[in-house]
């Protein structure tokens, strides 16, 4: 059995997509694959998760949050 087929591997419930142009720039937060909020800060990500009943203790934990297109400190277009 390959690792990707392991029944014990799971993906994080929270995904934060790359920065989008806007005033201010924002990132889309997905919970369980569904878009739930536009975030302009780490606080918005934590609040979106809390609204879905998810407590985030560590934004750097890849088992909890998947960051796409930059980490938790990336909030501007490059």
N, C-alpha and C. Protein backbone atom coordinates (compact mmCIF):
# COMPACT_ATOMS: atom_id res chain seq x y z
N UNK A 1 0.85 -1.18 0.00
CA UNK A 1 0.00 0.00 0.00
C UNK A 1 0.90 1.24 0.00
N UNK A 2 0.55 2.21 -0.81
CA UNK A 2 1.33 3.45 -0.85
C UNK A 2 0.85 4.37 0.25
N UNK A 3 1.69 5.36 0.57
CA UNK A 3 1.32 6.31 1.62
C UNK A 3 0.03 7.04 1.30
N UNK A 4 -0.16 7.43 0.05
CA UNK A 4 -1.35 8.20 -0.30
C UNK A 4 -2.63 7.39 -0.15
N UNK A 5 -2.51 6.09 -0.07
CA UNK A 5 -3.69 5.23 0.07
C UNK A 5 -3.93 4.86 1.53
N UNK A 6 -3.07 5.30 2.43
CA UNK A 6 -3.19 4.93 3.83
C UNK A 6 -4.47 5.47 4.43
N UNK A 7 -5.23 4.63 5.13
CA UNK A 7 -6.46 5.11 5.76
C UNK A 7 -6.19 6.00 6.96
N UNK A 8 -4.94 6.08 7.41
CA UNK A 8 -4.60 6.87 8.57
C UNK A 8 -4.17 8.29 8.23
N UNK A 9 -3.94 8.56 6.96
CA UNK A 9 -3.55 9.91 6.55
C UNK A 9 -4.80 10.75 6.34
N UNK A 10 -4.75 11.96 6.79
CA UNK A 10 -5.88 12.85 6.57
C UNK A 10 -5.36 14.21 6.15
N UNK A 11 -6.20 14.96 5.51
CA UNK A 11 -5.81 16.32 5.13
C UNK A 11 -6.42 17.27 6.15
N UNK A 12 -5.79 18.43 6.32
CA UNK A 12 -6.35 19.39 7.28
C UNK A 12 -7.72 19.87 6.83
N UNK A 13 -8.57 20.16 7.79
CA UNK A 13 -9.92 20.64 7.48
C UNK A 13 -9.91 22.08 7.00
N UNK A 14 -8.88 22.85 7.40
CA UNK A 14 -8.80 24.27 7.05
C UNK A 14 -7.74 24.46 5.97
N UNK A 15 -8.13 25.10 4.87
CA UNK A 15 -7.20 25.46 3.80
C UNK A 15 -7.30 26.95 3.56
N UNK A 16 -6.14 27.61 3.49
CA UNK A 16 -6.10 29.04 3.21
C UNK A 16 -5.43 29.21 1.85
N UNK A 17 -6.18 29.70 0.88
CA UNK A 17 -5.68 29.84 -0.48
C UNK A 17 -4.83 31.10 -0.63
N UNK A 18 -4.16 31.22 -1.78
CA UNK A 18 -3.24 32.33 -2.03
C UNK A 18 -3.90 33.69 -2.01
N UNK A 19 -3.08 34.71 -1.90
CA UNK A 19 -3.55 36.10 -1.82
C UNK A 19 -4.22 36.51 -3.13
N UNK A 20 -5.37 37.15 -2.99
CA UNK A 20 -6.15 37.65 -4.11
C UNK A 20 -6.08 39.18 -4.11
N UNK A 21 -6.11 39.80 -5.30
CA UNK A 21 -6.09 41.26 -5.34
C UNK A 21 -7.39 41.84 -4.78
N UNK A 22 -7.26 42.90 -4.09
CA UNK A 22 -8.42 43.58 -3.52
C UNK A 22 -7.93 44.74 -2.69
N UNK A 23 -8.85 45.46 -2.11
CA UNK A 23 -8.49 46.58 -1.25
C UNK A 23 -9.22 46.41 0.07
N UNK A 24 -8.64 45.72 1.02
CA UNK A 24 -7.28 45.17 1.03
C UNK A 24 -7.22 43.80 0.35
N UNK A 25 -5.98 43.34 0.05
CA UNK A 25 -5.83 41.98 -0.48
C UNK A 25 -6.39 40.98 0.53
N UNK A 26 -6.84 39.83 0.04
CA UNK A 26 -7.45 38.85 0.92
C UNK A 26 -7.07 37.44 0.50
N UNK A 27 -7.35 36.49 1.37
CA UNK A 27 -7.17 35.08 1.09
C UNK A 27 -8.48 34.37 1.37
N UNK A 28 -8.80 33.38 0.59
CA UNK A 28 -10.03 32.62 0.78
C UNK A 28 -9.75 31.47 1.74
N UNK A 29 -10.65 31.31 2.71
CA UNK A 29 -10.55 30.22 3.68
C UNK A 29 -11.58 29.16 3.31
N UNK A 30 -11.11 27.93 3.20
CA UNK A 30 -12.00 26.79 2.96
C UNK A 30 -12.00 25.90 4.20
N UNK A 31 -13.17 25.42 4.54
CA UNK A 31 -13.32 24.44 5.61
C UNK A 31 -13.97 23.21 4.98
N UNK A 32 -13.32 22.07 5.12
CA UNK A 32 -13.82 20.83 4.53
C UNK A 32 -14.14 20.98 3.04
N UNK A 33 -13.31 21.76 2.34
CA UNK A 33 -13.46 21.93 0.90
C UNK A 33 -14.48 22.96 0.47
N UNK A 34 -15.12 23.62 1.39
CA UNK A 34 -16.13 24.64 1.07
C UNK A 34 -15.60 26.03 1.43
N UNK A 35 -15.76 26.97 0.51
CA UNK A 35 -15.34 28.35 0.79
C UNK A 35 -16.25 28.92 1.88
N UNK A 36 -15.64 29.45 2.96
CA UNK A 36 -16.45 29.97 4.05
C UNK A 36 -16.22 31.45 4.33
N UNK A 37 -15.05 31.97 3.92
CA UNK A 37 -14.78 33.35 4.30
C UNK A 37 -13.61 33.92 3.50
N UNK A 38 -13.62 35.23 3.32
CA UNK A 38 -12.45 35.95 2.83
C UNK A 38 -11.73 36.47 4.06
N UNK A 39 -10.43 36.20 4.14
CA UNK A 39 -9.65 36.60 5.30
C UNK A 39 -8.62 37.64 4.91
N UNK A 40 -8.43 38.62 5.78
CA UNK A 40 -7.40 39.62 5.56
C UNK A 40 -6.30 39.54 6.64
N UNK A 41 -6.43 38.54 7.52
CA UNK A 41 -5.45 38.38 8.59
C UNK A 41 -5.54 36.98 9.17
N UNK A 42 -4.55 36.63 9.98
CA UNK A 42 -4.57 35.34 10.67
C UNK A 42 -5.77 35.24 11.60
N UNK A 43 -6.17 36.35 12.18
CA UNK A 43 -7.32 36.35 13.08
C UNK A 43 -8.58 35.90 12.34
N UNK A 44 -8.75 36.35 11.10
CA UNK A 44 -9.91 35.93 10.30
C UNK A 44 -9.91 34.42 10.08
N UNK A 45 -8.74 33.84 9.91
CA UNK A 45 -8.63 32.38 9.72
C UNK A 45 -9.08 31.67 10.98
N UNK A 46 -8.59 32.14 12.13
CA UNK A 46 -8.96 31.53 13.41
C UNK A 46 -10.45 31.66 13.66
N UNK A 47 -11.03 32.82 13.34
CA UNK A 47 -12.46 33.02 13.53
C UNK A 47 -13.30 32.14 12.61
N UNK A 48 -12.85 31.99 11.36
CA UNK A 48 -13.57 31.11 10.42
C UNK A 48 -13.57 29.68 10.93
N UNK A 49 -12.43 29.24 11.43
CA UNK A 49 -12.34 27.89 11.98
C UNK A 49 -13.25 27.74 13.21
N UNK A 50 -13.21 28.73 14.09
CA UNK A 50 -14.04 28.68 15.29
C UNK A 50 -15.52 28.62 14.94
N UNK A 51 -15.94 29.37 13.92
CA UNK A 51 -17.34 29.32 13.48
C UNK A 51 -17.74 27.92 13.03
N UNK A 52 -16.76 27.14 12.55
CA UNK A 52 -17.02 25.76 12.11
C UNK A 52 -16.77 24.75 13.22
N UNK A 53 -16.49 25.25 14.43
CA UNK A 53 -16.26 24.35 15.56
C UNK A 53 -14.86 23.78 15.63
N UNK A 54 -13.91 24.42 14.94
CA UNK A 54 -12.52 23.96 14.92
C UNK A 54 -11.68 24.92 15.74
N UNK A 55 -10.95 24.39 16.71
CA UNK A 55 -10.04 25.21 17.50
C UNK A 55 -8.64 25.06 16.92
N UNK A 56 -8.02 26.17 16.59
CA UNK A 56 -6.65 26.16 16.08
C UNK A 56 -5.73 26.66 17.18
N UNK A 57 -4.82 25.78 17.61
CA UNK A 57 -3.84 26.16 18.62
C UNK A 57 -2.54 26.61 17.99
N UNK A 58 -2.26 26.10 16.77
CA UNK A 58 -0.99 26.40 16.12
C UNK A 58 -1.23 26.54 14.62
N UNK A 59 -1.13 27.76 14.11
CA UNK A 59 -1.35 28.01 12.68
C UNK A 59 -0.26 27.39 11.81
N UNK A 60 0.84 26.97 12.41
CA UNK A 60 1.92 26.33 11.66
C UNK A 60 1.79 24.81 11.61
N UNK A 61 0.77 24.25 12.25
CA UNK A 61 0.59 22.80 12.27
C UNK A 61 -0.04 22.35 10.95
N UNK A 62 0.72 21.63 10.10
CA UNK A 62 0.17 21.22 8.80
C UNK A 62 -0.95 20.19 8.89
N UNK A 63 -1.14 19.60 10.06
CA UNK A 63 -2.27 18.69 10.25
C UNK A 63 -3.56 19.44 10.51
N UNK A 64 -3.44 20.75 10.79
CA UNK A 64 -4.61 21.56 11.11
C UNK A 64 -4.94 22.56 10.00
N UNK A 65 -3.91 23.23 9.48
CA UNK A 65 -4.11 24.26 8.45
C UNK A 65 -3.17 24.02 7.29
N UNK A 66 -3.71 24.08 6.08
CA UNK A 66 -2.89 24.01 4.86
C UNK A 66 -2.85 25.40 4.26
N UNK A 67 -1.65 25.94 4.11
CA UNK A 67 -1.46 27.27 3.52
C UNK A 67 -1.02 27.09 2.07
N UNK A 68 -1.74 27.70 1.14
CA UNK A 68 -1.44 27.61 -0.28
C UNK A 68 -0.98 28.99 -0.75
N UNK A 69 0.16 29.05 -1.42
CA UNK A 69 0.62 30.33 -1.97
C UNK A 69 1.20 31.26 -0.94
N UNK A 70 1.79 30.71 0.10
CA UNK A 70 2.41 31.52 1.14
C UNK A 70 1.91 31.11 2.50
N UNK A 71 2.70 31.35 3.52
CA UNK A 71 2.36 30.97 4.87
C UNK A 71 1.49 31.98 5.58
N UNK A 72 1.42 31.82 6.88
CA UNK A 72 0.52 32.64 7.69
C UNK A 72 0.87 34.14 7.69
N UNK A 73 2.09 34.47 7.29
CA UNK A 73 2.50 35.88 7.28
C UNK A 73 2.33 36.52 5.90
N UNK A 74 1.84 35.78 4.93
CA UNK A 74 1.69 36.29 3.56
C UNK A 74 0.28 36.83 3.36
N UNK A 75 0.17 38.16 3.31
CA UNK A 75 -1.13 38.79 3.15
C UNK A 75 -1.12 39.88 2.08
N UNK A 76 -0.05 39.97 1.32
CA UNK A 76 0.06 40.93 0.21
C UNK A 76 0.48 40.21 -1.05
N UNK A 77 0.08 40.73 -2.20
CA UNK A 77 0.53 40.18 -3.47
C UNK A 77 2.00 40.45 -3.66
N UNK A 78 2.69 39.53 -4.28
CA UNK A 78 4.13 39.71 -4.53
C UNK A 78 4.38 40.04 -5.97
